[in-house]
PDB file of all heavy atoms in Angstrom:
ATOM      1  N   TRP A   1      -7.726   6.779  -1.559  1.00  0.00           N
ATOM      2  CA  TRP A   1      -7.302   8.077  -2.177  1.00  0.00           C
ATOM      3  C   TRP A   1      -8.281   8.466  -3.267  1.00  0.00           C
ATOM      4  O   TRP A   1      -8.756   7.645  -4.044  1.00  0.00           O
ATOM      5  CB  TRP A   1      -5.871   7.936  -2.897  1.00  0.00           C
ATOM      6  CG  TRP A   1      -5.371   9.196  -3.436  1.00  0.00           C
ATOM      7  CD1 TRP A   1      -4.581  10.060  -2.792  1.00  0.00           C
ATOM      8  CD2 TRP A   1      -5.652   9.751  -4.726  1.00  0.00           C
ATOM      9  NE1 TRP A   1      -4.322  11.157  -3.699  1.00  0.00           N
ATOM     10  CE2 TRP A   1      -5.001  10.963  -4.800  1.00  0.00           C
ATOM     11  CE3 TRP A   1      -6.459   9.339  -5.831  1.00  0.00           C
ATOM     12  CZ2 TRP A   1      -4.991  11.773  -6.017  1.00  0.00           C
ATOM     13  CZ3 TRP A   1      -6.500  10.138  -6.990  1.00  0.00           C
ATOM     14  CH2 TRP A   1      -5.827  11.345  -7.005  1.00  0.00           C
ATOM     15  N   PRO A   2      -8.586   9.803  -3.412  1.00  0.00           N
ATOM     16  CA  PRO A   2      -8.387  10.836  -2.367  1.00  0.00           C
ATOM     17  C   PRO A   2      -9.553  10.725  -1.404  1.00  0.00           C
ATOM     18  O   PRO A   2     -10.705  10.573  -1.809  1.00  0.00           O
ATOM     19  CB  PRO A   2      -8.445  12.079  -3.214  1.00  0.00           C
ATOM     20  CG  PRO A   2      -9.326  11.777  -4.380  1.00  0.00           C
ATOM     21  CD  PRO A   2      -9.224  10.284  -4.669  1.00  0.00           C
ATOM     22  N   ILE A   3      -9.379  11.013  -0.131  1.00  0.00           N
ATOM     23  CA  ILE A   3     -10.454  10.764   0.802  1.00  0.00           C
ATOM     24  C   ILE A   3     -11.358  11.977   0.984  1.00  0.00           C
ATOM     25  O   ILE A   3     -12.379  11.860   1.672  1.00  0.00           O
ATOM     26  CB  ILE A   3      -9.856  10.365   2.166  1.00  0.00           C
ATOM     27  CG1 ILE A   3      -8.986  11.503   2.757  1.00  0.00           C
ATOM     28  CG2 ILE A   3      -9.056   9.085   2.088  1.00  0.00           C
ATOM     29  CD1 ILE A   3      -8.568  11.214   4.214  1.00  0.00           C
ATOM     30  N   SER A   4     -10.989  13.110   0.447  1.00  0.00           N
ATOM     31  CA  SER A   4     -11.842  14.360   0.684  1.00  0.00           C
ATOM     32  C   SER A   4     -12.318  14.975  -0.613  1.00  0.00           C
ATOM     33  O   SER A   4     -13.027  15.968  -0.548  1.00  0.00           O
ATOM     34  CB  SER A   4     -11.000  15.353   1.458  1.00  0.00           C
ATOM     35  OG  SER A   4      -9.957  15.866   0.676  1.00  0.00           O
ATOM     36  N   ASN A   5     -12.021  14.394  -1.741  1.00  0.00           N
ATOM     37  CA  ASN A   5     -12.425  15.051  -2.984  1.00  0.00           C
ATOM     38  C   ASN A   5     -13.661  14.413  -3.547  1.00  0.00           C
ATOM     39  O   ASN A   5     -13.589  13.302  -4.088  1.00  0.00           O
ATOM     40  CB  ASN A   5     -11.264  14.890  -4.032  1.00  0.00           C
ATOM     41  CG  ASN A   5     -11.511  15.696  -5.273  1.00  0.00           C
ATOM     42  OD1 ASN A   5     -12.672  16.129  -5.556  1.00  0.00           O
ATOM     43  ND2 ASN A   5     -10.450  15.959  -6.030  1.00  0.00           N
ATOM     44  N   SER A   6     -14.744  15.042  -3.387  1.00  0.00           N
ATOM     45  CA  SER A   6     -16.015  14.498  -3.783  1.00  0.00           C
ATOM     46  C   SER A   6     -16.207  14.343  -5.281  1.00  0.00           C
ATOM     47  O   SER A   6     -17.110  13.695  -5.809  1.00  0.00           O
ATOM     48  CB  SER A   6     -17.166  15.373  -3.193  1.00  0.00           C
ATOM     49  OG  SER A   6     -17.107  16.700  -3.710  1.00  0.00           O
ATOM     50  N   ASN A   7     -15.326  15.025  -6.047  1.00  0.00           N
ATOM     51  CA  ASN A   7     -15.479  15.019  -7.508  1.00  0.00           C
ATOM     52  C   ASN A   7     -14.739  13.791  -8.109  1.00  0.00           C
ATOM     53  O   ASN A   7     -14.846  13.556  -9.304  1.00  0.00           O
ATOM     54  CB  ASN A   7     -14.836  16.255  -8.172  1.00  0.00           C
ATOM     55  CG  ASN A   7     -15.611  17.531  -7.709  1.00  0.00           C
ATOM     56  OD1 ASN A   7     -16.857  17.502  -7.685  1.00  0.00           O
ATOM     57  ND2 ASN A   7     -14.929  18.599  -7.388  1.00  0.00           N
ATOM     58  N   VAL A   8     -14.006  13.027  -7.334  1.00  0.00           N
ATOM     59  CA  VAL A   8     -13.243  11.897  -7.786  1.00  0.00           C
ATOM     60  C   VAL A   8     -13.661  10.726  -6.997  1.00  0.00           C
ATOM     61  O   VAL A   8     -13.797  10.735  -5.781  1.00  0.00           O
ATOM     62  CB  VAL A   8     -11.696  12.146  -7.681  1.00  0.00           C
ATOM     63  CG1 VAL A   8     -10.940  10.919  -8.187  1.00  0.00           C
ATOM     64  CG2 VAL A   8     -11.300  13.437  -8.423  1.00  0.00           C
ATOM     65  N   ASP A   9     -13.910   9.610  -7.739  1.00  0.00           N
ATOM     66  CA  ASP A   9     -14.273   8.384  -7.033  1.00  0.00           C
ATOM     67  C   ASP A   9     -13.141   7.881  -6.144  1.00  0.00           C
ATOM     68  O   ASP A   9     -11.985   7.898  -6.517  1.00  0.00           O
ATOM     69  CB  ASP A   9     -14.617   7.234  -8.070  1.00  0.00           C
ATOM     70  CG  ASP A   9     -15.888   7.589  -8.829  1.00  0.00           C
ATOM     71  OD1 ASP A   9     -16.761   8.261  -8.292  1.00  0.00           O
ATOM     72  OD2 ASP A   9     -15.983   7.087  -9.905  1.00  0.00           O
ATOM     73  N   MET A  10     -13.485   7.517  -4.900  1.00  0.00           N
ATOM     74  CA  MET A  10     -12.410   7.017  -4.079  1.00  0.00           C
ATOM     75  C   MET A  10     -12.049   5.581  -4.462  1.00  0.00           C
ATOM     76  O   MET A  10     -12.839   4.809  -4.963  1.00  0.00           O
ATOM     77  CB  MET A  10     -12.944   7.030  -2.615  1.00  0.00           C
ATOM     78  CG  MET A  10     -13.189   8.351  -1.983  1.00  0.00           C
ATOM     79  SD  MET A  10     -13.470   8.194  -0.154  1.00  0.00           S
ATOM     80  CE  MET A  10     -14.906   7.261  -0.098  1.00  0.00           C
ATOM     81  N   PHE A  11     -10.808   5.268  -4.358  1.00  0.00           N
ATOM     82  CA  PHE A  11     -10.371   3.902  -4.594  1.00  0.00           C
ATOM     83  C   PHE A  11      -9.275   3.554  -3.600  1.00  0.00           C
ATOM     84  O   PHE A  11      -8.635   4.361  -3.026  1.00  0.00           O
ATOM     85  CB  PHE A  11      -9.871   3.721  -6.002  1.00  0.00           C
ATOM     86  CG  PHE A  11      -8.600   4.565  -6.339  1.00  0.00           C
ATOM     87  CD1 PHE A  11      -7.380   3.999  -6.140  1.00  0.00           C
ATOM     88  CD2 PHE A  11      -8.677   5.844  -6.805  1.00  0.00           C
ATOM     89  CE1 PHE A  11      -6.210   4.665  -6.432  1.00  0.00           C
ATOM     90  CE2 PHE A  11      -7.542   6.525  -7.112  1.00  0.00           C
ATOM     91  CZ  PHE A  11      -6.279   5.969  -6.943  1.00  0.00           C
ATOM     92  N   GLU A  12      -9.150   2.256  -3.388  1.00  0.00           N
ATOM     93  CA  GLU A  12      -8.140   1.702  -2.448  1.00  0.00           C
ATOM     94  C   GLU A  12      -6.904   1.374  -3.226  1.00  0.00           C
ATOM     95  O   GLU A  12      -6.946   0.759  -4.306  1.00  0.00           O
ATOM     96  CB  GLU A  12      -8.803   0.465  -1.771  1.00  0.00           C
ATOM     97  CG  GLU A  12      -8.042   0.076  -0.528  1.00  0.00           C
ATOM     98  CD  GLU A  12      -8.791  -1.034   0.258  1.00  0.00           C
ATOM     99  OE1 GLU A  12      -9.401  -1.829  -0.423  1.00  0.00           O
ATOM    100  OE2 GLU A  12      -8.683  -1.019   1.508  1.00  0.00           O
ATOM    101  N   TYR A  13      -5.752   1.739  -2.615  1.00  0.00           N
ATOM    102  CA  TYR A  13      -4.509   1.379  -3.295  1.00  0.00           C
ATOM    103  C   TYR A  13      -3.553   0.757  -2.249  1.00  0.00           C
ATOM    104  O   TYR A  13      -3.738   0.915  -1.047  1.00  0.00           O
ATOM    105  CB  TYR A  13      -3.890   2.569  -3.959  1.00  0.00           C
ATOM    106  CG  TYR A  13      -3.318   3.697  -2.996  1.00  0.00           C
ATOM    107  CD1 TYR A  13      -2.085   3.641  -2.545  1.00  0.00           C
ATOM    108  CD2 TYR A  13      -4.182   4.709  -2.614  1.00  0.00           C
ATOM    109  CE1 TYR A  13      -1.560   4.610  -1.667  1.00  0.00           C
ATOM    110  CE2 TYR A  13      -3.746   5.664  -1.707  1.00  0.00           C
ATOM    111  CZ  TYR A  13      -2.428   5.611  -1.268  1.00  0.00           C
ATOM    112  OH  TYR A  13      -1.953   6.580  -0.336  1.00  0.00           O
ATOM    113  N   GLN A  14      -2.546   0.074  -2.766  1.00  0.00           N
ATOM    114  CA  GLN A  14      -1.574  -0.631  -1.936  1.00  0.00           C
ATOM    115  C   GLN A  14      -0.492   0.353  -1.614  1.00  0.00           C
ATOM    116  O   GLN A  14       0.133   1.033  -2.466  1.00  0.00           O
ATOM    117  CB  GLN A  14      -1.037  -1.819  -2.663  1.00  0.00           C
ATOM    118  CG  GLN A  14      -2.096  -2.875  -2.960  1.00  0.00           C
ATOM    119  CD  GLN A  14      -1.822  -3.634  -4.231  1.00  0.00           C
ATOM    120  OE1 GLN A  14      -0.904  -3.306  -5.008  1.00  0.00           O
ATOM    121  NE2 GLN A  14      -2.693  -4.569  -4.544  1.00  0.00           N
ATOM    122  N   THR A  15      -0.145   0.387  -0.326  1.00  0.00           N
ATOM    123  CA  THR A  15       0.865   1.366   0.173  1.00  0.00           C
ATOM    124  C   THR A  15       2.295   0.821  -0.016  1.00  0.00           C
ATOM    125  O   THR A  15       3.292   1.570   0.019  1.00  0.00           O
ATOM    126  CB  THR A  15       0.657   1.683   1.655  1.00  0.00           C
ATOM    127  OG1 THR A  15       0.821   0.490   2.439  1.00  0.00           O
ATOM    128  CG2 THR A  15      -0.670   2.314   1.880  1.00  0.00           C
ATOM    129  N   GLY A  16       2.437  -0.547  -0.166  1.00  0.00           N
ATOM    130  CA  GLY A  16       3.801  -1.116  -0.267  1.00  0.00           C
ATOM    131  C   GLY A  16       4.278  -1.666   1.055  1.00  0.00           C
ATOM    132  O   GLY A  16       5.370  -2.234   1.086  1.00  0.00           O
ATOM    133  N   ILE A  17       3.514  -1.511   2.143  1.00  0.00           N
ATOM    134  CA  ILE A  17       3.958  -2.018   3.408  1.00  0.00           C
ATOM    135  C   ILE A  17       4.128  -3.526   3.379  1.00  0.00           C
ATOM    136  O   ILE A  17       5.090  -4.097   3.968  1.00  0.00           O
ATOM    137  CB  ILE A  17       2.993  -1.580   4.576  1.00  0.00           C
ATOM    138  CG1 ILE A  17       2.907  -0.104   4.676  1.00  0.00           C
ATOM    139  CG2 ILE A  17       3.408  -2.251   5.826  1.00  0.00           C
ATOM    140  CD1 ILE A  17       4.234   0.569   5.009  1.00  0.00           C
ATOM    141  N   ASP A  18       3.297  -4.196   2.642  1.00  0.00           N
ATOM    142  CA  ASP A  18       3.470  -5.663   2.515  1.00  0.00           C
ATOM    143  C   ASP A  18       4.756  -6.011   1.855  1.00  0.00           C
ATOM    144  O   ASP A  18       5.368  -7.033   2.164  1.00  0.00           O
ATOM    145  CB  ASP A  18       2.296  -6.257   1.675  1.00  0.00           C
ATOM    146  CG  ASP A  18       1.016  -6.440   2.488  1.00  0.00           C
ATOM    147  OD1 ASP A  18       1.111  -6.376   3.772  1.00  0.00           O
ATOM    148  OD2 ASP A  18      -0.040  -6.611   1.935  1.00  0.00           O
ATOM    149  N   ASP A  19       5.209  -5.228   0.924  1.00  0.00           N
ATOM    150  CA  ASP A  19       6.518  -5.433   0.218  1.00  0.00           C
ATOM    151  C   ASP A  19       7.681  -5.314   1.252  1.00  0.00           C
ATOM    152  O   ASP A  19       8.677  -6.038   1.196  1.00  0.00           O
ATOM    153  CB  ASP A  19       6.714  -4.440  -0.897  1.00  0.00           C
ATOM    154  CG  ASP A  19       5.637  -4.578  -1.971  1.00  0.00           C
ATOM    155  OD1 ASP A  19       4.640  -3.927  -1.799  1.00  0.00           O
ATOM    156  OD2 ASP A  19       5.830  -5.327  -2.929  1.00  0.00           O
ATOM    157  N   ILE A  20       7.554  -4.299   2.129  1.00  0.00           N
ATOM    158  CA  ILE A  20       8.556  -4.142   3.181  1.00  0.00           C
ATOM    159  C   ILE A  20       8.600  -5.312   4.129  1.00  0.00           C
ATOM    160  O   ILE A  20       9.672  -5.878   4.428  1.00  0.00           O
ATOM    161  CB  ILE A  20       8.324  -2.833   3.994  1.00  0.00           C
ATOM    162  CG1 ILE A  20       8.387  -1.619   3.031  1.00  0.00           C
ATOM    163  CG2 ILE A  20       9.321  -2.722   5.140  1.00  0.00           C
ATOM    164  CD1 ILE A  20       8.010  -0.323   3.713  1.00  0.00           C
ATOM    165  N   ARG A  21       7.426  -5.787   4.581  1.00  0.00           N
ATOM    166  CA  ARG A  21       7.350  -6.939   5.416  1.00  0.00           C
ATOM    167  C   ARG A  21       7.948  -8.179   4.794  1.00  0.00           C
ATOM    168  O   ARG A  21       8.609  -8.982   5.419  1.00  0.00           O
ATOM    169  CB  ARG A  21       5.908  -7.144   5.865  1.00  0.00           C
ATOM    170  CG  ARG A  21       5.444  -6.052   6.792  1.00  0.00           C
ATOM    171  CD  ARG A  21       3.979  -6.134   7.123  1.00  0.00           C
ATOM    172  NE  ARG A  21       3.518  -5.095   8.027  1.00  0.00           N
ATOM    173  CZ  ARG A  21       2.381  -4.374   7.932  1.00  0.00           C
ATOM    174  NH1 ARG A  21       1.519  -4.718   6.971  1.00  0.00           N
ATOM    175  NH2 ARG A  21       2.149  -3.439   8.782  1.00  0.00           N
ATOM    176  N   ALA A  22       7.728  -8.294   3.494  1.00  0.00           N
ATOM    177  CA  ALA A  22       8.277  -9.442   2.762  1.00  0.00           C
ATOM    178  C   ALA A  22       9.797  -9.382   2.758  1.00  0.00           C
ATOM    179  O   ALA A  22      10.475 -10.409   2.944  1.00  0.00           O
ATOM    180  CB  ALA A  22       7.697  -9.475   1.277  1.00  0.00           C
ATOM    181  N   GLY A  23      10.340  -8.174   2.541  1.00  0.00           N
ATOM    182  CA  GLY A  23      11.762  -8.027   2.603  1.00  0.00           C
ATOM    183  C   GLY A  23      12.397  -8.282   3.963  1.00  0.00           C
ATOM    184  O   GLY A  23      13.479  -8.843   4.008  1.00  0.00           O
ATOM    185  N   LEU A  24      11.620  -7.971   5.018  1.00  0.00           N
ATOM    186  CA  LEU A  24      12.141  -8.133   6.358  1.00  0.00           C
ATOM    187  C   LEU A  24      12.094  -9.593   6.842  1.00  0.00           C
ATOM    188  O   LEU A  24      12.769  -9.978   7.805  1.00  0.00           O
ATOM    189  CB  LEU A  24      11.472  -7.194   7.308  1.00  0.00           C
ATOM    190  CG  LEU A  24      11.733  -5.707   7.174  1.00  0.00           C
ATOM    191  CD1 LEU A  24      10.748  -4.867   7.972  1.00  0.00           C
ATOM    192  CD2 LEU A  24      13.218  -5.383   7.595  1.00  0.00           C
ATOM    193  N   THR A  25      11.188 -10.329   6.241  1.00  0.00           N
ATOM    194  CA  THR A  25      10.972 -11.759   6.693  1.00  0.00           C
ATOM    195  C   THR A  25      11.584 -12.707   5.690  1.00  0.00           C
ATOM    196  O   THR A  25      11.486 -13.941   5.907  1.00  0.00           O
ATOM    197  CB  THR A  25       9.525 -12.010   6.849  1.00  0.00           C
ATOM    198  OG1 THR A  25       8.810 -11.718   5.662  1.00  0.00           O
ATOM    199  CG2 THR A  25       8.953 -11.141   7.998  1.00  0.00           C
ATOM    200  N   ARG A  26      12.184 -12.326   4.595  1.00  0.00           N
ATOM    201  CA  ARG A  26      12.766 -13.198   3.619  1.00  0.00           C
ATOM    202  C   ARG A  26      13.898 -13.936   4.162  1.00  0.00           C
ATOM    203  O   ARG A  26      14.779 -13.376   4.871  1.00  0.00           O
ATOM    204  CB  ARG A  26      13.120 -12.410   2.387  1.00  0.00           C
ATOM    205  CG  ARG A  26      13.634 -13.306   1.200  1.00  0.00           C
ATOM    206  CD  ARG A  26      13.704 -12.473  -0.090  1.00  0.00           C
ATOM    207  NE  ARG A  26      14.628 -11.378  -0.069  1.00  0.00           N
ATOM    208  CZ  ARG A  26      15.872 -11.520  -0.403  1.00  0.00           C
ATOM    209  NH1 ARG A  26      16.343 -12.641  -0.768  1.00  0.00           N
ATOM    210  NH2 ARG A  26      16.664 -10.454  -0.400  1.00  0.00           N
ATOM    211  N   ASP A  27      14.045 -15.274   3.891  1.00  0.00           N
ATOM    212  CA  ASP A  27      15.146 -16.071   4.286  1.00  0.00           C
ATOM    213  C   ASP A  27      16.370 -15.646   3.506  1.00  0.00           C
ATOM    214  O   ASP A  27      16.314 -15.651   2.277  1.00  0.00           O
ATOM    215  CB  ASP A  27      14.850 -17.517   4.131  1.00  0.00           C
ATOM    216  CG  ASP A  27      13.802 -18.066   5.069  1.00  0.00           C
ATOM    217  OD1 ASP A  27      13.663 -17.508   6.185  1.00  0.00           O
ATOM    218  OD2 ASP A  27      13.045 -18.996   4.692  1.00  0.00           O
ATOM    219  N   VAL A  28      17.494 -15.330   4.183  1.00  0.00           N
ATOM    220  CA  VAL A  28      18.749 -15.035   3.520  1.00  0.00           C
ATOM    221  C   VAL A  28      19.866 -15.805   4.213  1.00  0.00           C
ATOM    222  O   VAL A  28      19.773 -16.198   5.396  1.00  0.00           O
ATOM    223  CB  VAL A  28      18.996 -13.590   3.558  1.00  0.00           C
ATOM    224  CG1 VAL A  28      18.042 -12.776   2.639  1.00  0.00           C
ATOM    225  CG2 VAL A  28      18.977 -12.977   4.976  1.00  0.00           C
ATOM    226  N   ASP A  29      20.921 -16.012   3.487  1.00  0.00           N
ATOM    227  CA  ASP A  29      22.094 -16.644   4.018  1.00  0.00           C
ATOM    228  C   ASP A  29      22.720 -15.754   5.068  1.00  0.00           C
ATOM    229  O   ASP A  29      23.044 -14.591   4.836  1.00  0.00           O
ATOM    230  CB  ASP A  29      23.112 -16.913   2.853  1.00  0.00           C
ATOM    231  CG  ASP A  29      24.261 -17.865   3.292  1.00  0.00           C
ATOM    232  OD1 ASP A  29      24.778 -17.643   4.390  1.00  0.00           O
ATOM    233  OD2 ASP A  29      24.561 -18.776   2.526  1.00  0.00           O
TER     234      ASP A  29
END
C-alpha cells in the first residue's frame, strides 16, 4: 500500500489473514 501513488513510498502490511487462520486452527474443547 499504496500501489499506484508515486508520491508515497510503498510498504508491505499485514492483512490479518494469518490471524483468521490461527482462529480457525486453534484447539478448542
